Amino acid sequence: MAAVEDRARGVLLVHRVVYIDRSGGFVFMKGDASEAVEGFPGEQVVGRVVFHIPYAGLPLLYPRLHIALVTVLGILVTVLLYRELRG
């Protein structure tokens, strides 16, 4: 998987690399939700994915879950800091 700057849409895409055309300098990529293969100039590739956590960003898609997640993490950090400072 690679990250590419899609300048036409003004977004950063992360897709599976299907083919690299070294003679033309293009990288052909395909997203999981798309049947189309898209080609990008090699200079638009900004990185590659070396590690991912499946579904880790899913709670951010739902505002209520986002608020709940931040609240739970805040409580957890507060409890851990209290226990650490208390001794």
Protein backbone atom coordinates (compact mmCIF):
# COMPACT_ATOMS: atom_id res chain seq x y z
CA MET A 1 0.00 0.00 0.00
CA ALA A 2 1.14 3.49 -0.73
CA ALA A 3 0.06 7.04 0.07
CA VAL A 4 -0.32 9.38 -2.88
CA GLU A 5 -1.22 13.06 -3.08
CA ASP A 6 -4.19 13.32 -5.45
CA ARG A 7 -3.70 16.90 -6.60
CA ALA A 8 -6.82 16.89 -8.79
CA ARG A 9 -9.05 16.24 -5.77
CA GLY A 10 -6.80 17.84 -3.15
CA VAL A 11 -6.71 14.74 -0.92
CA LEU A 12 -4.25 12.16 0.32
CA LEU A 13 -5.16 8.62 -0.79
CA VAL A 14 -3.93 5.30 0.56
CA HIS A 15 -4.47 2.46 -1.91
CA ARG A 16 -3.05 -0.90 -2.82
CA VAL A 17 -0.31 -0.73 -5.48
CA VAL A 18 -1.30 -2.84 -8.49
CA TYR A 19 1.52 -2.05 -10.89
CA ILE A 20 4.56 0.22 -11.16
CA ASP A 21 5.48 1.43 -14.65
CA ARG A 22 9.14 2.30 -14.17
CA SER A 23 9.64 3.36 -17.79
CA GLY A 24 6.79 5.91 -17.66
CA GLY A 25 7.17 6.77 -13.98
CA PHE A 26 3.59 5.95 -13.06
CA VAL A 27 2.18 4.03 -10.10
CA PHE A 28 -1.15 2.29 -10.63
CA MET A 29 -3.29 1.87 -7.53
CA LYS A 30 -6.69 0.46 -6.62
CA GLY A 31 -8.83 1.27 -3.62
CA ASP A 32 -10.83 -1.40 -1.80
CA ALA A 33 -14.15 0.32 -2.48
CA SER A 34 -13.45 0.92 -6.17
CA GLU A 35 -13.27 -1.32 -9.20
CA ALA A 36 -11.19 1.24 -11.13
CA VAL A 37 -7.40 1.27 -11.22
CA GLU A 38 -5.99 4.81 -11.00
CA GLY A 39 -2.59 5.89 -12.30
CA PHE A 40 -0.50 8.56 -10.57
CA PRO A 41 2.85 10.10 -11.50
CA GLY A 42 5.61 8.75 -9.27
CA GLU A 43 6.38 12.18 -7.83
CA GLN A 44 2.91 12.27 -6.22
CA VAL A 45 3.71 9.23 -4.07
CA VAL A 46 4.48 10.57 -0.60
CA GLY A 47 4.97 7.36 1.37
CA ARG A 48 4.12 3.74 1.93
CA VAL A 49 2.12 1.99 4.60
CA VAL A 50 4.28 -0.15 6.88
CA PHE A 51 1.76 -0.80 9.68
CA HIS A 52 -1.97 -0.44 10.19
CA ILE A 53 -4.55 -1.27 12.82
CA PRO A 54 -7.77 -2.48 11.17
CA TYR A 55 -10.87 -0.44 12.05
CA ALA A 56 -8.92 1.81 14.45
CA GLY A 57 -10.39 4.98 12.92
CA LEU A 58 -13.95 3.69 12.77
CA PRO A 59 -15.10 5.45 15.99
CA LEU A 60 -14.11 8.78 14.45
CA LEU A 61 -16.82 8.32 11.80
CA TYR A 62 -19.54 8.53 14.42
CA PRO A 63 -19.64 11.77 16.44
CA ARG A 64 -21.26 10.20 19.52
CA LEU A 65 -18.65 7.44 19.64
CA HIS A 66 -15.93 10.05 19.22
CA ILE A 67 -17.16 11.96 22.26
CA ALA A 68 -17.52 8.75 24.26
CA LEU A 69 -14.03 7.61 23.27
CA VAL A 70 -12.46 10.92 24.31
CA THR A 71 -14.39 10.81 27.61
CA VAL A 72 -13.32 7.25 28.42
CA LEU A 73 -9.70 7.98 27.53
CA GLY A 74 -9.79 11.14 29.66
CA ILE A 75 -11.11 9.21 32.65
CA LEU A 76 -8.50 6.49 32.15
CA VAL A 77 -5.64 9.00 31.98
CA THR A 78 -6.96 10.81 35.07
CA VAL A 79 -7.16 7.57 37.07
CA LEU A 80 -3.69 6.49 36.00
CA LEU A 81 -2.18 9.89 36.85
CA TYR A 82 -3.94 9.92 40.24
CA ARG A 83 -2.62 6.46 41.08
CA GLU A 84 0.89 7.39 39.96
CA LEU A 85 0.99 10.64 41.94
CA ARG A 86 -0.56 9.06 44.99
CA GLY A 87 2.28 6.66 45.20
